Amino acid sequence: MNKHVIIDSLVAIDELDTLQELARTADGCIVEIGSYKGSSTITLAKGSLEGKNSVVYSIDNFKGNTEFEEYRKDFYSTFLYNVIYTGSSGAVFPIVMDSVEASKLFQCNVGLIFIDGNHSYKGVKGDYNAWFPKISVNGIIAIHDTLPRDDFDGPFRLKDELLKDNKVKFIEQVNSMAIFKKVKE
């Protein structure tokens, strides 16, 4: 039986299972870049509440995705409804702004970051570069949609770069989600 609340999601069940486990064991706060309707947010919150009760900061401009026509609308009210309906609101702190701008205001040591925002190379690389200094050594970086695709290649290109980067260590690939651990500043 599916242990996840069924919400329109672009994240696969095996990826949600992995995010829940990562959130359960995260040392430090949890940051999610790109929330859509909240399925991954709720999963991260559930894992956090089962583990160390880390706050889940869900960062999105909630203006929709300009890269794809079908996602060009505001999802914030749907996101909030889903977070409240599932009882996750006590663990979730939504931040409605661009993630790079949010990183400039952030003070928490990040134990887990899930990057699933802008899928252009410039967008995903900008998110990664802005947040990398905030991630604790041994913190986890999960990047969604890292398999090759015709409609966007940003996450795939970033994953390819990180596989050659000595500041992170590749942990595993779960479906389209690549997981790395920060090993040095």
Protein backbone atom coordinates (compact mmCIF):
# COMPACT_ATOMS: atom_id res chain seq x y z
CA MET A 1 0.00 0.00 0.00
CA ASN A 2 1.21 3.51 -0.83
CA LYS A 3 2.27 5.29 2.34
CA HIS A 4 2.24 8.72 0.68
CA VAL A 5 -0.75 11.01 0.45
CA ILE A 6 -1.81 11.09 -3.18
CA ILE A 7 -1.24 14.58 -4.51
CA ASP A 8 -0.61 15.53 -8.12
CA SER A 9 3.16 15.08 -8.14
CA LEU A 10 6.08 15.09 -10.52
CA VAL A 11 8.19 13.11 -8.03
CA ALA A 12 8.04 9.29 -8.27
CA ILE A 13 7.07 7.10 -5.30
CA ASP A 14 10.59 5.62 -4.94
CA GLU A 15 12.00 9.15 -4.89
CA LEU A 16 9.48 10.18 -2.23
CA ASP A 17 10.43 7.13 -0.13
CA THR A 18 14.08 8.15 -0.36
CA LEU A 19 13.35 11.78 0.51
CA GLN A 20 11.38 10.67 3.55
CA GLU A 21 14.29 8.55 4.80
CA LEU A 22 16.80 11.34 4.12
CA ALA A 23 14.62 13.81 6.05
CA ARG A 24 14.30 11.37 8.95
CA THR A 25 18.07 11.39 9.45
CA ALA A 26 18.94 14.97 8.38
CA ASP A 27 21.30 16.83 10.69
CA GLY A 28 20.23 20.44 10.35
CA CYS A 29 17.36 22.15 8.63
CA ILE A 30 15.83 20.87 5.41
CA VAL A 31 15.52 23.06 2.32
CA GLU A 32 13.34 22.30 -0.66
CA ILE A 33 13.73 24.39 -3.81
CA GLY A 34 10.63 24.06 -5.96
CA SER A 35 7.46 22.85 -4.28
CA TYR A 36 4.75 22.59 -6.95
CA LYS A 37 1.67 21.28 -5.07
CA GLY A 38 3.56 20.03 -2.02
CA SER A 39 3.94 16.25 -2.35
CA SER A 40 7.70 16.33 -1.75
CA THR A 41 7.27 19.01 0.94
CA ILE A 42 4.80 16.82 2.82
CA THR A 43 7.07 13.81 2.44
CA LEU A 44 10.06 15.75 3.79
CA ALA A 45 7.94 16.98 6.71
CA LYS A 46 6.74 13.46 7.49
CA GLY A 47 10.33 12.18 7.54
CA SER A 48 11.45 15.09 9.68
CA LEU A 49 8.65 14.50 12.21
CA GLU A 50 9.60 10.81 12.37
CA GLY A 51 13.23 11.77 12.97
CA LYS A 52 14.89 14.89 14.32
CA ASN A 53 12.02 17.38 13.87
CA SER A 54 14.02 19.60 11.53
CA VAL A 55 12.17 22.52 9.98
CA VAL A 56 11.39 22.09 6.27
CA TYR A 57 11.88 25.38 4.41
CA SER A 58 9.92 25.14 1.19
CA ILE A 59 11.14 27.78 -1.25
CA ASP A 60 9.24 28.63 -4.41
CA ASN A 61 8.01 31.77 -6.12
CA PHE A 62 4.74 29.85 -6.67
CA LYS A 63 4.21 31.69 -9.95
CA GLY A 64 4.34 28.47 -11.91
CA ASN A 65 6.94 27.19 -14.28
CA THR A 66 7.57 29.37 -17.29
CA GLU A 67 9.49 26.54 -18.96
CA PHE A 68 6.34 24.48 -19.57
CA GLU A 69 2.94 25.84 -20.62
CA GLU A 70 0.88 23.39 -18.51
CA TYR A 71 2.61 24.59 -15.30
CA ARG A 72 2.30 28.36 -15.89
CA LYS A 73 -0.10 29.13 -13.07
CA ASP A 74 -0.08 29.93 -9.39
CA PHE A 75 -0.04 26.82 -7.19
CA TYR A 76 0.41 28.49 -3.80
CA SER A 77 -3.17 28.06 -2.55
CA THR A 78 -3.13 24.38 -3.62
CA PHE A 79 0.25 23.92 -1.91
CA LEU A 80 -1.02 25.48 1.34
CA TYR A 81 -4.22 23.43 1.28
CA ASN A 82 -2.25 20.20 0.82
CA VAL A 83 0.24 21.02 3.58
CA ILE A 84 -2.56 21.91 6.03
CA TYR A 85 -4.82 19.00 4.99
CA THR A 86 -2.06 16.44 5.63
CA GLY A 87 -1.16 17.86 9.05
CA SER A 88 2.30 18.93 7.89
CA SER A 89 2.00 22.65 8.58
CA GLY A 90 3.79 22.46 11.93
CA ALA A 91 7.00 21.31 10.25
CA VAL A 92 6.81 23.38 7.04
CA PHE A 93 7.87 26.99 6.63
CA PRO A 94 7.03 28.22 3.12
CA ILE A 95 9.21 30.99 1.69
CA VAL A 96 7.63 32.70 -1.30
CA MET A 97 10.56 34.10 -3.23
CA ASP A 98 13.33 33.21 -5.62
CA SER A 99 15.64 30.62 -4.06
CA VAL A 100 18.86 32.49 -4.84
CA GLU A 101 17.47 35.57 -3.09
CA ALA A 102 16.26 33.42 -0.17
CA SER A 103 19.75 31.93 0.25
CA LYS A 104 21.13 35.41 0.99
CA LEU A 105 18.84 35.69 4.01
CA PHE A 106 19.35 32.17 5.33
CA GLN A 107 21.21 31.45 8.59
CA CYS A 108 20.47 27.77 9.28
CA ASN A 109 22.97 24.96 8.64
CA VAL A 110 21.37 22.84 5.93
CA GLY A 111 21.45 19.09 6.54
CA LEU A 112 19.39 18.20 3.46
CA ILE A 113 18.57 20.14 0.33
CA PHE A 114 16.21 18.94 -2.40
CA ILE A 115 16.70 20.90 -5.63
CA ASP A 116 13.70 20.70 -7.95
CA GLY A 117 13.12 24.28 -9.08
CA ASN A 118 14.12 25.90 -12.34
CA HIS A 119 15.34 23.10 -14.65
CA SER A 120 17.37 25.26 -17.02
CA TYR A 121 21.12 24.87 -16.61
CA LYS A 122 21.46 28.48 -15.49
CA GLY A 123 18.60 28.05 -12.99
CA VAL A 124 19.69 24.79 -11.38
CA LYS A 125 23.37 25.81 -11.32
CA GLY A 126 22.39 29.13 -9.73
CA ASP A 127 20.37 27.34 -7.05
CA TYR A 128 23.23 24.95 -6.35
CA ASN A 129 25.89 27.69 -6.18
CA ALA A 130 23.77 29.89 -3.93
CA TRP A 131 22.98 27.13 -1.45
CA PHE A 132 26.19 25.06 -1.42
CA PRO A 133 27.90 27.28 1.22
CA LYS A 134 24.86 26.83 3.50
CA ILE A 135 25.05 23.02 3.41
CA SER A 136 26.85 21.39 6.33
CA VAL A 137 29.77 19.06 5.69
CA ASN A 138 28.14 15.61 5.44
CA GLY A 139 24.90 17.33 4.40
CA ILE A 140 22.87 15.70 1.64
CA ILE A 141 22.13 17.22 -1.77
CA ALA A 142 19.29 15.59 -3.71
CA ILE A 143 18.74 16.84 -7.27
CA HIS A 144 15.59 15.86 -9.15
CA ASP A 145 15.26 15.15 -12.89
CA THR A 146 18.92 14.31 -13.52
CA LEU A 147 18.31 11.78 -16.28
CA PRO A 148 18.84 12.94 -19.89
CA ARG A 149 15.75 14.59 -21.41
CA ASP A 150 14.93 16.40 -24.63
CA ASP A 151 12.93 19.22 -23.01
CA PHE A 152 15.57 20.35 -20.46
CA ASP A 153 19.09 19.36 -19.49
CA GLY A 154 20.03 21.56 -16.52
CA PRO A 155 19.83 18.95 -13.74
CA PHE A 156 21.58 16.34 -15.94
CA ARG A 157 24.43 18.74 -16.70
CA LEU A 158 24.79 19.70 -13.04
CA LYS A 159 24.90 16.04 -11.99
CA ASP A 160 27.60 15.38 -14.59
CA GLU A 161 29.68 18.25 -13.18
CA LEU A 162 29.21 17.11 -9.58
CA LEU A 163 30.39 13.59 -10.43
CA LYS A 164 33.79 15.20 -11.12
CA ASP A 165 33.74 17.58 -8.12
CA ASN A 166 35.85 16.63 -5.10
CA LYS A 167 33.68 18.70 -2.73
CA VAL A 168 30.84 16.21 -3.02
CA LYS A 169 30.55 12.44 -3.11
CA PHE A 170 27.95 10.63 -5.21
CA ILE A 171 25.80 8.42 -2.98
CA GLU A 172 23.13 6.93 -5.25
CA GLN A 173 20.70 7.43 -8.11
CA VAL A 174 17.04 6.80 -7.30
CA ASN A 175 15.01 6.95 -10.48
CA SER A 176 15.66 10.49 -11.78
CA MET A 177 17.01 11.81 -8.46
CA ALA A 178 20.78 11.99 -7.87
CA ILE A 179 21.98 12.08 -4.27
CA PHE A 180 25.30 13.54 -3.18
CA LYS A 181 26.98 14.19 0.16
CA LYS A 182 29.02 17.34 0.79
CA VAL A 183 32.46 16.21 1.91
CA LYS A 184 34.31 19.55 2.11
CA GLU A 185 33.79 23.30 1.84
